[in-house]
Amino acid sequence: MSREAILEDRLETSLITIESLAKILINNEALRGSDQPPQLDSLDVDAVMRAVLLISGRAHDDFCEVMNSMEARQ
């Protein structure tokens, strides 16, 4: 598998993971103020947000590398 293919796969996985984590946060926040308490406390929410930040930073780096390799081929 080429370096570019690895980066593209990793970028796709990162975006899917960010989407999943965002859904977790949205669903957790929807429970606030309802009869059923949220499953995540503030430390858990902070950890998920930091994970999104970390993953999105790596995804940005991968995206830039893919774009740079495409420009180099032209």
N, C-alpha and C. Protein backbone atom coordinates (compact mmCIF):
# COMPACT_ATOMS: atom_id res chain seq x y z
N MET A 1 0.85 -1.17 0.00
CA MET A 1 0.00 0.00 0.00
C MET A 1 0.90 1.24 0.00
N SER A 2 0.58 2.18 -0.86
CA SER A 2 1.40 3.38 -0.98
C SER A 2 1.19 4.31 0.21
N ARG A 3 2.14 5.19 0.38
CA ARG A 3 2.06 6.18 1.47
C ARG A 3 0.79 7.03 1.33
N GLU A 4 0.48 7.41 0.10
CA GLU A 4 -0.70 8.24 -0.14
C GLU A 4 -1.98 7.48 0.22
N ALA A 5 -2.04 6.20 -0.12
CA ALA A 5 -3.22 5.40 0.21
C ALA A 5 -3.37 5.25 1.72
N ILE A 6 -2.25 5.09 2.41
CA ILE A 6 -2.29 5.00 3.87
C ILE A 6 -2.82 6.29 4.47
N LEU A 7 -2.33 7.42 3.96
CA LEU A 7 -2.79 8.72 4.46
C LEU A 7 -4.28 8.92 4.20
N GLU A 8 -4.73 8.53 3.02
CA GLU A 8 -6.14 8.68 2.69
C GLU A 8 -7.01 7.82 3.60
N ASP A 9 -6.58 6.59 3.85
CA ASP A 9 -7.33 5.71 4.75
C ASP A 9 -7.34 6.26 6.17
N ARG A 10 -6.20 6.75 6.60
CA ARG A 10 -6.10 7.30 7.96
C ARG A 10 -6.96 8.55 8.10
N LEU A 11 -6.99 9.37 7.06
CA LEU A 11 -7.83 10.57 7.08
C LEU A 11 -9.30 10.19 7.16
N GLU A 12 -9.70 9.21 6.37
CA GLU A 12 -11.10 8.76 6.41
C GLU A 12 -11.46 8.22 7.79
N THR A 13 -10.58 7.41 8.36
CA THR A 13 -10.82 6.86 9.69
C THR A 13 -10.91 7.97 10.74
N SER A 14 -10.06 8.96 10.61
CA SER A 14 -10.10 10.09 11.55
C SER A 14 -11.43 10.82 11.49
N LEU A 15 -11.91 11.07 10.28
CA LEU A 15 -13.18 11.79 10.13
C LEU A 15 -14.35 10.97 10.65
N ILE A 16 -14.34 9.68 10.42
CA ILE A 16 -15.40 8.82 10.95
C ILE A 16 -15.36 8.80 12.47
N THR A 17 -14.17 8.76 13.04
CA THR A 17 -14.03 8.77 14.49
C THR A 17 -14.51 10.08 15.09
N ILE A 18 -14.15 11.19 14.46
CA ILE A 18 -14.62 12.50 14.93
C ILE A 18 -16.14 12.57 14.89
N GLU A 19 -16.72 12.06 13.81
CA GLU A 19 -18.19 12.04 13.70
C GLU A 19 -18.81 11.23 14.84
N SER A 20 -18.24 10.07 15.13
CA SER A 20 -18.77 9.22 16.20
C SER A 20 -18.66 9.90 17.56
N LEU A 21 -17.52 10.52 17.81
CA LEU A 21 -17.33 11.21 19.09
C LEU A 21 -18.28 12.40 19.22
N ALA A 22 -18.51 13.10 18.12
CA ALA A 22 -19.45 14.22 18.15
C ALA A 22 -20.86 13.73 18.47
N LYS A 23 -21.25 12.60 17.90
CA LYS A 23 -22.57 12.04 18.20
C LYS A 23 -22.70 11.66 19.67
N ILE A 24 -21.63 11.12 20.23
CA ILE A 24 -21.63 10.78 21.65
C ILE A 24 -21.86 12.03 22.49
N LEU A 25 -21.16 13.10 22.17
CA LEU A 25 -21.32 14.35 22.92
C LEU A 25 -22.73 14.92 22.75
N ILE A 26 -23.24 14.89 21.54
CA ILE A 26 -24.59 15.42 21.28
C ILE A 26 -25.63 14.62 22.06
N ASN A 27 -25.53 13.31 22.01
CA ASN A 27 -26.49 12.47 22.73
C ASN A 27 -26.38 12.66 24.24
N ASN A 28 -25.16 12.83 24.72
CA ASN A 28 -24.98 13.05 26.15
C ASN A 28 -25.60 14.38 26.57
N GLU A 29 -25.37 15.41 25.80
CA GLU A 29 -25.91 16.73 26.14
C GLU A 29 -27.43 16.76 26.05
N ALA A 30 -27.99 15.93 25.17
CA ALA A 30 -29.45 15.88 25.04
C ALA A 30 -30.11 15.37 26.32
N LEU A 31 -29.36 14.63 27.13
CA LEU A 31 -29.91 14.09 28.37
C LEU A 31 -29.88 15.09 29.53
N ARG A 32 -29.14 16.15 29.38
CA ARG A 32 -29.06 17.14 30.47
C ARG A 32 -30.44 17.73 30.72
N GLY A 33 -30.81 17.74 31.98
CA GLY A 33 -32.09 18.30 32.38
C GLY A 33 -33.26 17.35 32.20
N SER A 34 -33.00 16.13 31.76
CA SER A 34 -34.09 15.17 31.59
C SER A 34 -34.13 14.24 32.81
N ASP A 35 -35.10 13.33 32.80
CA ASP A 35 -35.22 12.38 33.91
C ASP A 35 -34.02 11.45 34.00
N GLN A 36 -33.48 11.11 32.85
CA GLN A 36 -32.31 10.23 32.81
C GLN A 36 -31.06 11.10 32.77
N PRO A 37 -30.15 10.93 33.73
CA PRO A 37 -28.96 11.78 33.76
C PRO A 37 -27.99 11.42 32.62
N PRO A 38 -27.16 12.37 32.20
CA PRO A 38 -26.16 12.07 31.18
C PRO A 38 -25.20 10.98 31.66
N GLN A 39 -24.70 10.20 30.74
CA GLN A 39 -23.79 9.13 31.11
C GLN A 39 -22.36 9.64 31.31
N LEU A 40 -22.04 10.76 30.68
CA LEU A 40 -20.69 11.32 30.79
C LEU A 40 -20.70 12.49 31.76
N ASP A 41 -19.72 12.50 32.66
CA ASP A 41 -19.58 13.67 33.52
C ASP A 41 -18.69 14.70 32.83
N SER A 42 -18.41 15.79 33.49
CA SER A 42 -17.66 16.87 32.84
C SER A 42 -16.24 16.45 32.47
N LEU A 43 -15.63 15.58 33.26
CA LEU A 43 -14.28 15.10 32.92
C LEU A 43 -14.32 14.21 31.68
N ASP A 44 -15.36 13.39 31.57
CA ASP A 44 -15.51 12.54 30.38
C ASP A 44 -15.73 13.39 29.13
N VAL A 45 -16.57 14.40 29.25
CA VAL A 45 -16.84 15.29 28.11
C VAL A 45 -15.55 15.99 27.70
N ASP A 46 -14.79 16.45 28.67
CA ASP A 46 -13.52 17.11 28.38
C ASP A 46 -12.56 16.15 27.67
N ALA A 47 -12.52 14.91 28.11
CA ALA A 47 -11.65 13.92 27.47
C ALA A 47 -12.05 13.67 26.02
N VAL A 48 -13.35 13.58 25.77
CA VAL A 48 -13.82 13.36 24.40
C VAL A 48 -13.47 14.58 23.53
N MET A 49 -13.66 15.77 24.06
CA MET A 49 -13.34 16.97 23.28
C MET A 49 -11.84 17.05 22.98
N ARG A 50 -11.03 16.68 23.94
CA ARG A 50 -9.58 16.68 23.70
C ARG A 50 -9.19 15.63 22.67
N ALA A 51 -9.87 14.49 22.69
CA ALA A 51 -9.62 13.46 21.68
C ALA A 51 -9.98 13.98 20.29
N VAL A 52 -11.10 14.67 20.18
CA VAL A 52 -11.50 15.25 18.90
C VAL A 52 -10.44 16.25 18.43
N LEU A 53 -9.96 17.07 19.35
CA LEU A 53 -8.93 18.05 19.01
C LEU A 53 -7.66 17.37 18.51
N LEU A 54 -7.24 16.33 19.20
CA LEU A 54 -6.04 15.60 18.81
C LEU A 54 -6.21 14.92 17.45
N ILE A 55 -7.33 14.24 17.28
CA ILE A 55 -7.58 13.53 16.02
C ILE A 55 -7.72 14.51 14.86
N SER A 56 -8.40 15.63 15.10
CA SER A 56 -8.58 16.60 14.02
C SER A 56 -7.25 17.23 13.61
N GLY A 57 -6.36 17.42 14.56
CA GLY A 57 -5.03 17.94 14.23
C GLY A 57 -4.25 16.99 13.34
N ARG A 58 -4.31 15.71 13.68
CA ARG A 58 -3.65 14.69 12.85
C ARG A 58 -4.31 14.60 11.47
N ALA A 59 -5.64 14.70 11.45
CA ALA A 59 -6.35 14.64 10.17
C ALA A 59 -5.96 15.82 9.28
N HIS A 60 -5.80 16.97 9.88
CA HIS A 60 -5.38 18.15 9.11
C HIS A 60 -3.99 17.92 8.52
N ASP A 61 -3.08 17.39 9.33
CA ASP A 61 -1.73 17.10 8.84
C ASP A 61 -1.78 16.10 7.67
N ASP A 62 -2.59 15.05 7.82
CA ASP A 62 -2.72 14.06 6.75
C ASP A 62 -3.30 14.69 5.49
N PHE A 63 -4.31 15.52 5.66
CA PHE A 63 -4.93 16.20 4.51
C PHE A 63 -3.89 17.06 3.78
N CYS A 64 -3.13 17.83 4.54
CA CYS A 64 -2.11 18.68 3.92
C CYS A 64 -1.08 17.85 3.17
N GLU A 65 -0.69 16.73 3.75
CA GLU A 65 0.30 15.88 3.09
C GLU A 65 -0.26 15.28 1.80
N VAL A 66 -1.51 14.87 1.82
CA VAL A 66 -2.15 14.34 0.61
C VAL A 66 -2.21 15.44 -0.46
N MET A 67 -2.63 16.63 -0.07
CA MET A 67 -2.73 17.72 -1.03
C MET A 67 -1.37 18.10 -1.60
N ASN A 68 -0.35 18.12 -0.75
CA ASN A 68 0.99 18.45 -1.22
C ASN A 68 1.51 17.39 -2.20
N SER A 69 1.20 16.13 -1.94
CA SER A 69 1.65 15.09 -2.85
C SER A 69 0.92 15.18 -4.19
N MET A 70 -0.34 15.60 -4.16
CA MET A 70 -1.09 15.78 -5.40
C MET A 70 -0.52 16.94 -6.21
N GLU A 71 -0.14 18.01 -5.53
CA GLU A 71 0.45 19.16 -6.22
C GLU A 71 1.80 18.80 -6.82
N ALA A 72 2.55 17.96 -6.13
CA ALA A 72 3.87 17.57 -6.62
C ALA A 72 3.77 16.74 -7.89
N ARG A 73 2.67 16.01 -8.05
CA ARG A 73 2.49 15.18 -9.24
C ARG A 73 2.09 16.00 -10.46
N GLN A 74 1.60 17.20 -10.25
CA GLN A 74 1.14 18.01 -11.40
C GLN A 74 2.26 18.74 -12.05
